[in-house]
Amino acid sequence: HTVNANDYTSEQLNAWAPPLETWDMEKWEASFQNKIVFIVEENQKLAGFGELENNGHIDRFYIHKDYVGLGIGTLIYDQIG
């Protein structure tokens, strides 16, 4: 909702990153099943993650706004590729 706010509509941003109070945590956790998930943490805070499906498709790829431009995305992508 911060980094790409000028590139997408509010509806798109809410579909991809809904407000926390609307999250269905069971659905969210289930969405990671059968995927390889790469996570980067910094001081016990999620800096970013990317997930790879069995067919090679990169599904979700997220970098926290405080870590954009620090190479976190490259680190995750290098592990996926």
PDB file of N, CA and C in Angstrom:
ATOM      1  N   HIS A   1       0.814  -1.199   0.000  1.00  0.00           N
ATOM      2  CA  HIS A   1       0.000   0.000   0.000  1.00  0.00           C
ATOM      3  C   HIS A   1       0.854   1.258   0.000  1.00  0.00           C
ATOM      4  N   THR A   2       2.157   1.070   0.091  1.00  0.00           N
ATOM      5  CA  THR A   2       3.044   2.228   0.115  1.00  0.00           C
ATOM      6  C   THR A   2       3.908   2.294  -1.141  1.00  0.00           C
ATOM      7  N   VAL A   3       4.669   1.246  -1.378  1.00  0.00           N
ATOM      8  CA  VAL A   3       5.651   1.247  -2.468  1.00  0.00           C
ATOM      9  C   VAL A   3       4.978   1.394  -3.828  1.00  0.00           C
ATOM     10  N   ASN A   4       3.904   0.648  -4.056  1.00  0.00           N
ATOM     11  CA  ASN A   4       3.253   0.657  -5.364  1.00  0.00           C
ATOM     12  C   ASN A   4       1.917   1.397  -5.370  1.00  0.00           C
ATOM     13  N   ALA A   5       1.718   2.262  -4.426  1.00  0.00           N
ATOM     14  CA  ALA A   5       0.433   2.953  -4.300  1.00  0.00           C
ATOM     15  C   ALA A   5       0.070   3.758  -5.548  1.00  0.00           C
ATOM     16  N   ASN A   6       1.043   4.249  -6.268  1.00  0.00           N
ATOM     17  CA  ASN A   6       0.773   5.039  -7.472  1.00  0.00           C
ATOM     18  C   ASN A   6       0.570   4.165  -8.706  1.00  0.00           C
ATOM     19  N   ASP A   7       0.862   2.863  -8.583  1.00  0.00           N
ATOM     20  CA  ASP A   7       0.795   1.973  -9.736  1.00  0.00           C
ATOM     21  C   ASP A   7      -0.484   1.152  -9.812  1.00  0.00           C
ATOM     22  N   TYR A   8      -1.198   1.025  -8.691  1.00  0.00           N
ATOM     23  CA  TYR A   8      -2.384   0.172  -8.634  1.00  0.00           C
ATOM     24  C   TYR A   8      -3.530   0.906  -7.950  1.00  0.00           C
ATOM     25  N   THR A   9      -4.740   0.446  -8.230  1.00  0.00           N
ATOM     26  CA  THR A   9      -5.912   1.032  -7.570  1.00  0.00           C
ATOM     27  C   THR A   9      -5.999   0.520  -6.138  1.00  0.00           C
ATOM     28  N   SER A  10      -6.789   1.187  -5.327  1.00  0.00           N
ATOM     29  CA  SER A  10      -7.020   0.742  -3.950  1.00  0.00           C
ATOM     30  C   SER A  10      -7.623  -0.657  -3.930  1.00  0.00           C
ATOM     31  N   GLU A  11      -8.501  -0.937  -4.890  1.00  0.00           N
ATOM     32  CA  GLU A  11      -9.131  -2.255  -4.953  1.00  0.00           C
ATOM     33  C   GLU A  11      -8.087  -3.346  -5.206  1.00  0.00           C
ATOM     34  N   GLN A  12      -7.152  -3.080  -6.114  1.00  0.00           N
ATOM     35  CA  GLN A  12      -6.099  -4.052  -6.390  1.00  0.00           C
ATOM     36  C   GLN A  12      -5.214  -4.248  -5.167  1.00  0.00           C
ATOM     37  N   LEU A  13      -4.809  -3.160  -4.549  1.00  0.00           N
ATOM     38  CA  LEU A  13      -3.943  -3.258  -3.371  1.00  0.00           C
ATOM     39  C   LEU A  13      -4.635  -4.025  -2.247  1.00  0.00           C
ATOM     40  N   ASN A  14      -5.915  -3.762  -2.039  1.00  0.00           N
ATOM     41  CA  ASN A  14      -6.652  -4.466  -0.986  1.00  0.00           C
ATOM     42  C   ASN A  14      -6.846  -5.942  -1.311  1.00  0.00           C
ATOM     43  N   ALA A  15      -6.941  -6.275  -2.590  1.00  0.00           N
ATOM     44  CA  ALA A  15      -7.068  -7.684  -2.978  1.00  0.00           C
ATOM     45  C   ALA A  15      -5.774  -8.437  -2.691  1.00  0.00           C
ATOM     46  N   TRP A  16      -4.641  -7.796  -2.932  1.00  0.00           N
ATOM     47  CA  TRP A  16      -3.338  -8.443  -2.745  1.00  0.00           C
ATOM     48  C   TRP A  16      -2.841  -8.350  -1.313  1.00  0.00           C
ATOM     49  N   ALA A  17      -3.189  -7.270  -0.649  1.00  0.00           N
ATOM     50  CA  ALA A  17      -2.734  -7.050   0.736  1.00  0.00           C
ATOM     51  C   ALA A  17      -3.894  -6.441   1.520  1.00  0.00           C
ATOM     52  N   PRO A  18      -4.852  -7.278   1.906  1.00  0.00           N
ATOM     53  CA  PRO A  18      -6.024  -6.747   2.609  1.00  0.00           C
ATOM     54  C   PRO A  18      -5.666  -6.209   3.987  1.00  0.00           C
ATOM     55  N   PRO A  19      -6.484  -5.307   4.506  1.00  0.00           N
ATOM     56  CA  PRO A  19      -6.251  -4.815   5.868  1.00  0.00           C
ATOM     57  C   PRO A  19      -6.240  -5.985   6.854  1.00  0.00           C
ATOM     58  N   LEU A  20      -5.371  -5.911   7.844  1.00  0.00           N
ATOM     59  CA  LEU A  20      -5.203  -7.022   8.790  1.00  0.00           C
ATOM     60  C   LEU A  20      -6.507  -7.458   9.443  1.00  0.00           C
ATOM     61  N   GLU A  21      -7.380  -6.523   9.740  1.00  0.00           N
ATOM     62  CA  GLU A  21      -8.624  -6.883  10.425  1.00  0.00           C
ATOM     63  C   GLU A  21      -9.556  -7.723   9.546  1.00  0.00           C
ATOM     64  N   THR A  22      -9.288  -7.802   8.247  1.00  0.00           N
ATOM     65  CA  THR A  22     -10.130  -8.602   7.353  1.00  0.00           C
ATOM     66  C   THR A  22      -9.488  -9.928   6.954  1.00  0.00           C
ATOM     67  N   TRP A  23      -8.277 -10.183   7.427  1.00  0.00           N
ATOM     68  CA  TRP A  23      -7.556 -11.406   7.036  1.00  0.00           C
ATOM     69  C   TRP A  23      -8.238 -12.654   7.568  1.00  0.00           C
ATOM     70  N   ASP A  24      -8.284 -13.659   6.737  1.00  0.00           N
ATOM     71  CA  ASP A  24      -8.693 -14.991   7.138  1.00  0.00           C
ATOM     72  C   ASP A  24      -7.394 -15.785   7.282  1.00  0.00           C
ATOM     73  N   MET A  25      -6.890 -15.884   8.514  1.00  0.00           N
ATOM     74  CA  MET A  25      -5.577 -16.489   8.745  1.00  0.00           C
ATOM     75  C   MET A  25      -5.520 -17.951   8.322  1.00  0.00           C
ATOM     76  N   GLU A  26      -6.605 -18.688   8.485  1.00  0.00           N
ATOM     77  CA  GLU A  26      -6.609 -20.088   8.048  1.00  0.00           C
ATOM     78  C   GLU A  26      -6.448 -20.175   6.531  1.00  0.00           C
ATOM     79  N   LYS A  27      -7.156 -19.328   5.816  1.00  0.00           N
ATOM     80  CA  LYS A  27      -7.038 -19.296   4.353  1.00  0.00           C
ATOM     81  C   LYS A  27      -5.627 -18.860   3.949  1.00  0.00           C
ATOM     82  N   TRP A  28      -5.087 -17.869   4.637  1.00  0.00           N
ATOM     83  CA  TRP A  28      -3.741 -17.375   4.345  1.00  0.00           C
ATOM     84  C   TRP A  28      -2.709 -18.489   4.551  1.00  0.00           C
ATOM     85  N   GLU A  29      -2.771 -19.171   5.681  1.00  0.00           N
ATOM     86  CA  GLU A  29      -1.829 -20.250   5.953  1.00  0.00           C
ATOM     87  C   GLU A  29      -1.981 -21.382   4.939  1.00  0.00           C
ATOM     88  N   ALA A  30      -3.202 -21.730   4.588  1.00  0.00           N
ATOM     89  CA  ALA A  30      -3.444 -22.800   3.619  1.00  0.00           C
ATOM     90  C   ALA A  30      -2.904 -22.444   2.236  1.00  0.00           C
ATOM     91  N   SER A  31      -2.849 -21.161   1.922  1.00  0.00           N
ATOM     92  CA  SER A  31      -2.388 -20.737   0.594  1.00  0.00           C
ATOM     93  C   SER A  31      -0.902 -21.024   0.377  1.00  0.00           C
ATOM     94  N   PHE A  32      -0.170 -21.333   1.449  1.00  0.00           N
ATOM     95  CA  PHE A  32       1.248 -21.637   1.330  1.00  0.00           C
ATOM     96  C   PHE A  32       1.514 -23.127   1.106  1.00  0.00           C
ATOM     97  N   GLN A  33       0.467 -23.945   1.203  1.00  0.00           N
ATOM     98  CA  GLN A  33       0.631 -25.380   1.030  1.00  0.00           C
ATOM     99  C   GLN A  33       1.107 -25.685  -0.385  1.00  0.00           C
ATOM    100  N   ASN A  34       1.969 -26.684  -0.497  1.00  0.00           N
ATOM    101  CA  ASN A  34       2.479 -27.153  -1.795  1.00  0.00           C
ATOM    102  C   ASN A  34       3.272 -26.091  -2.540  1.00  0.00           C
ATOM    103  N   LYS A  35       3.864 -25.172  -1.808  1.00  0.00           N
ATOM    104  CA  LYS A  35       4.726 -24.156  -2.405  1.00  0.00           C
ATOM    105  C   LYS A  35       6.024 -24.116  -1.623  1.00  0.00           C
ATOM    106  N   ILE A  36       7.071 -23.704  -2.284  1.00  0.00           N
ATOM    107  CA  ILE A  36       8.347 -23.473  -1.605  1.00  0.00           C
ATOM    108  C   ILE A  36       8.383 -21.991  -1.271  1.00  0.00           C
ATOM    109  N   VAL A  37       8.550 -21.674   0.000  1.00  0.00           N
ATOM    110  CA  VAL A  37       8.502 -20.281   0.438  1.00  0.00           C
ATOM    111  C   VAL A  37       9.876 -19.876   0.947  1.00  0.00           C
ATOM    112  N   PHE A  38      10.387 -18.783   0.432  1.00  0.00           N
ATOM    113  CA  PHE A  38      11.669 -18.220   0.848  1.00  0.00           C
ATOM    114  C   PHE A  38      11.380 -16.966   1.658  1.00  0.00           C
ATOM    115  N   ILE A  39      11.940 -16.909   2.866  1.00  0.00           N
ATOM    116  CA  ILE A  39      11.659 -15.820   3.796  1.00  0.00           C
ATOM    117  C   ILE A  39      12.966 -15.152   4.214  1.00  0.00           C
ATOM    118  N   VAL A  40      12.953 -13.833   4.290  1.00  0.00           N
ATOM    119  CA  VAL A  40      14.081 -13.079   4.831  1.00  0.00           C
ATOM    120  C   VAL A  40      13.567 -12.304   6.036  1.00  0.00           C
ATOM    121  N   GLU A  41      14.232 -12.503   7.169  1.00  0.00           N
ATOM    122  CA  GLU A  41      13.895 -11.785   8.398  1.00  0.00           C
ATOM    123  C   GLU A  41      15.082 -10.925   8.816  1.00  0.00           C
ATOM    124  N   GLU A  42      14.772  -9.819   9.419  1.00  0.00           N
ATOM    125  CA  GLU A  42      15.781  -8.918   9.973  1.00  0.00           C
ATOM    126  C   GLU A  42      15.293  -8.503  11.347  1.00  0.00           C
ATOM    127  N   ASN A  43      16.045  -8.846  12.377  1.00  0.00           N
ATOM    128  CA  ASN A  43      15.647  -8.530  13.753  1.00  0.00           C
ATOM    129  C   ASN A  43      14.237  -9.017  14.070  1.00  0.00           C
ATOM    130  N   GLN A  44      13.950 -10.234  13.687  1.00  0.00           N
ATOM    131  CA  GLN A  44      12.652 -10.884  13.923  1.00  0.00           C
ATOM    132  C   GLN A  44      11.490 -10.174  13.241  1.00  0.00           C
ATOM    133  N   LYS A  45      11.772  -9.429  12.192  1.00  0.00           N
ATOM    134  CA  LYS A  45      10.742  -8.749  11.410  1.00  0.00           C
ATOM    135  C   LYS A  45      10.816  -9.278   9.977  1.00  0.00           C
ATOM    136  N   LEU A  46       9.666  -9.539   9.386  1.00  0.00           N
ATOM    137  CA  LEU A  46       9.628 -10.015   8.015  1.00  0.00           C
ATOM    138  C   LEU A  46      10.104  -8.919   7.071  1.00  0.00           C
ATOM    139  N   ALA A  47      11.221  -9.173   6.401  1.00  0.00           N
ATOM    140  CA  ALA A  47      11.749  -8.215   5.435  1.00  0.00           C
ATOM    141  C   ALA A  47      11.208  -8.507   4.040  1.00  0.00           C
ATOM    142  N   GLY A  48      10.915  -9.784   3.775  1.00  0.00           N
ATOM    143  CA  GLY A  48      10.368 -10.136   2.476  1.00  0.00           C
ATOM    144  C   GLY A  48      10.160 -11.623   2.353  1.00  0.00           C
ATOM    145  N   PHE A  49       9.388 -12.011   1.340  1.00  0.00           N
ATOM    146  CA  PHE A  49       9.213 -13.420   1.029  1.00  0.00           C
ATOM    147  C   PHE A  49       8.833 -13.576  -0.431  1.00  0.00           C
ATOM    148  N   GLY A  50       9.118 -14.746  -0.933  1.00  0.00           N
ATOM    149  CA  GLY A  50       8.700 -15.116  -2.281  1.00  0.00           C
ATOM    150  C   GLY A  50       8.320 -16.573  -2.259  1.00  0.00           C
ATOM    151  N   GLU A  51       7.385 -16.944  -3.110  1.00  0.00           N
ATOM    152  CA  GLU A  51       6.971 -18.339  -3.134  1.00  0.00           C
ATOM    153  C   GLU A  51       7.010 -18.887  -4.541  1.00  0.00           C
ATOM    154  N   LEU A  52       7.429 -20.127  -4.609  1.00  0.00           N
ATOM    155  CA  LEU A  52       7.583 -20.822  -5.878  1.00  0.00           C
ATOM    156  C   LEU A  52       6.621 -21.997  -5.910  1.00  0.00           C
ATOM    157  N   GLU A  53       5.828 -22.071  -6.966  1.00  0.00           N
ATOM    158  CA  GLU A  53       4.925 -23.199  -7.146  1.00  0.00           C
ATOM    159  C   GLU A  53       5.686 -24.348  -7.805  1.00  0.00           C
ATOM    160  N   ASN A  54       5.144 -25.548  -7.713  1.00  0.00           N
ATOM    161  CA  ASN A  54       5.801 -26.732  -8.262  1.00  0.00           C
ATOM    162  C   ASN A  54       6.061 -26.636  -9.757  1.00  0.00           C
ATOM    163  N   ASN A  55       5.252 -25.864 -10.463  1.00  0.00           N
ATOM    164  CA  ASN A  55       5.422 -25.720 -11.912  1.00  0.00           C
ATOM    165  C   ASN A  55       6.429 -24.628 -12.290  1.00  0.00           C
ATOM    166  N   GLY A  56       7.083 -24.015 -11.289  1.00  0.00           N
ATOM    167  CA  GLY A  56       8.085 -22.984 -11.543  1.00  0.00           C
ATOM    168  C   GLY A  56       7.544 -21.565 -11.528  1.00  0.00           C
ATOM    169  N   HIS A  57       6.249 -21.402 -11.342  1.00  0.00           N
ATOM    170  CA  HIS A  57       5.635 -20.080 -11.309  1.00  0.00           C
ATOM    171  C   HIS A  57       5.922 -19.402  -9.964  1.00  0.00           C
ATOM    172  N   ILE A  58       6.381 -18.163 -10.008  1.00  0.00           N
ATOM    173  CA  ILE A  58       6.544 -17.366  -8.799  1.00  0.00           C
ATOM    174  C   ILE A  58       5.185 -16.727  -8.520  1.00  0.00           C
ATOM    175  N   ASP A  59       4.589 -17.108  -7.394  1.00  0.00           N
ATOM    176  CA  ASP A  59       3.249 -16.615  -7.102  1.00  0.00           C
ATOM    177  C   ASP A  59       3.322 -15.258  -6.420  1.00  0.00           C
ATOM    178  N   ARG A  60       3.559 -15.232  -5.137  1.00  0.00           N
ATOM    179  CA  ARG A  60       3.639 -13.955  -4.415  1.00  0.00           C
ATOM    180  C   ARG A  60       5.102 -13.615  -4.159  1.00  0.00           C
ATOM    181  N   PHE A  61       5.394 -12.329  -4.238  1.00  0.00           N
ATOM    182  CA  PHE A  61       6.755 -11.831  -4.014  1.00  0.00           C
ATOM    183  C   PHE A  61       6.593 -10.498  -3.298  1.00  0.00           C
ATOM    184  N   TYR A  62       7.041 -10.427  -2.052  1.00  0.00           N
ATOM    185  CA  TYR A  62       6.762  -9.267  -1.212  1.00  0.00           C
ATOM    186  C   TYR A  62       8.043  -8.796  -0.536  1.00  0.00           C
ATOM    187  N   ILE A  63       8.262  -7.503  -0.574  1.00  0.00           N
ATOM    188  CA  ILE A  63       9.357  -6.876   0.174  1.00  0.00           C
ATOM    189  C   ILE A  63       8.735  -5.774   1.027  1.00  0.00           C
ATOM    190  N   HIS A  64       9.013  -5.811   2.327  1.00  0.00           N
ATOM    191  CA  HIS A  64       8.493  -4.784   3.229  1.00  0.00           C
ATOM    192  C   HIS A  64       9.023  -3.423   2.799  1.00  0.00           C
ATOM    193  N   LYS A  65       8.194  -2.414   2.916  1.00  0.00           N
ATOM    194  CA  LYS A  65       8.565  -1.068   2.453  1.00  0.00           C
ATOM    195  C   LYS A  65       9.852  -0.552   3.077  1.00  0.00           C
ATOM    196  N   ASP A  66      10.171  -0.965   4.297  1.00  0.00           N
ATOM    197  CA  ASP A  66      11.388  -0.498   4.956  1.00  0.00           C
ATOM    198  C   ASP A  66      12.645  -1.181   4.425  1.00  0.00           C
ATOM    199  N   TYR A  67      12.476  -2.207   3.582  1.00  0.00           N
ATOM    200  CA  TYR A  67      13.616  -2.972   3.080  1.00  0.00           C
ATOM    201  C   TYR A  67      13.769  -2.894   1.568  1.00  0.00           C
ATOM    202  N   VAL A  68      12.947  -2.090   0.909  1.00  0.00           N
ATOM    203  CA  VAL A  68      13.052  -1.906  -0.531  1.00  0.00           C
ATOM    204  C   VAL A  68      14.382  -1.227  -0.855  1.00  0.00           C
ATOM    205  N   GLY A  69      15.052  -1.733  -1.866  1.00  0.00           N
ATOM    206  CA  GLY A  69      16.315  -1.136  -2.303  1.00  0.00           C
ATOM    207  C   GLY A  69      17.538  -1.640  -1.563  1.00  0.00           C
ATOM    208  N   LEU A  70      17.362  -2.636  -0.700  1.00  0.00           N
ATOM    209  CA  LEU A  70      18.494  -3.156   0.083  1.00  0.00           C
ATOM    210  C   LEU A  70      18.978  -4.521  -0.402  1.00  0.00           C
ATOM    211  N   GLY A  71      18.431  -4.996  -1.510  1.00  0.00           N
ATOM    212  CA  GLY A  71      18.866  -6.271  -2.064  1.00  0.00           C
ATOM    213  C   GLY A  71      18.081  -7.478  -1.581  1.00  0.00           C
ATOM    214  N   ILE A  72      17.042  -7.264  -0.788  1.00  0.00           N
ATOM    215  CA  ILE A  72      16.246  -8.375  -0.271  1.00  0.00           C
ATOM    216  C   ILE A  72      15.563  -9.112  -1.423  1.00  0.00           C
ATOM    217  N   GLY A  73      14.980  -8.387  -2.348  1.00  0.00           N
ATOM    218  CA  GLY A  73      14.309  -9.002  -3.497  1.00  0.00           C
ATOM    219  C   GLY A  73      15.273  -9.817  -4.335  1.00  0.00           C
ATOM    220  N   THR A  74      16.453  -9.294  -4.556  1.00  0.00           N
ATOM    221  CA  THR A  74      17.469 -10.025  -5.316  1.00  0.00           C
ATOM    222  C   THR A  74      17.875 -11.300  -4.588  1.00  0.00           C
ATOM    223  N   LEU A  75      18.047 -11.207  -3.292  1.00  0.00           N
ATOM    224  CA  LEU A  75      18.408 -12.380  -2.486  1.00  0.00           C
ATOM    225  C   LEU A  75      17.351 -13.472  -2.618  1.00  0.00           C
ATOM    226  N   ILE A  76      16.092 -13.108  -2.486  1.00  0.00           N
ATOM    227  CA  ILE A  76      15.004 -14.079  -2.611  1.00  0.00           C
ATOM    228  C   ILE A  76      14.949 -14.633  -4.036  1.00  0.00           C
ATOM    229  N   TYR A  77      15.007 -13.770  -5.018  1.00  0.00           N
ATOM    230  CA  TYR A  77      14.921 -14.217  -6.417  1.00  0.00           C
ATOM    231  C   TYR A  77      16.062 -15.153  -6.772  1.00  0.00           C
ATOM    232  N   ASP A  78      17.254 -14.865  -6.288  1.00  0.00           N
ATOM    233  CA  ASP A  78      18.400 -15.744  -6.547  1.00  0.00           C
ATOM    234  C   ASP A  78      18.185 -17.140  -5.961  1.00  0.00           C
ATOM    235  N   GLN A  79      17.518 -17.231  -4.849  1.00  0.00           N
ATOM    236  CA  GLN A  79      17.226 -18.537  -4.240  1.00  0.00           C
ATOM    237  C   GLN A  79      16.142 -19.270  -5.017  1.00  0.00           C
ATOM    238  N   ILE A  80      15.170 -18.530  -5.500  1.00  0.00           N
ATOM    239  CA  ILE A  80      14.084 -19.151  -6.272  1.00  0.00           C
ATOM    240  C   ILE A  80      14.592 -19.670  -7.612  1.00  0.00           C
ATOM    241  N   GLY A  81      15.430 -18.863  -8.245  1.00  0.00           N
ATOM    242  CA  GLY A  81      15.926 -19.222  -9.588  1.00  0.00           C
ATOM    243  C   GLY A  81      16.978 -20.238  -9.512  1.00  0.00           C
TER     244      GLY A  81
END
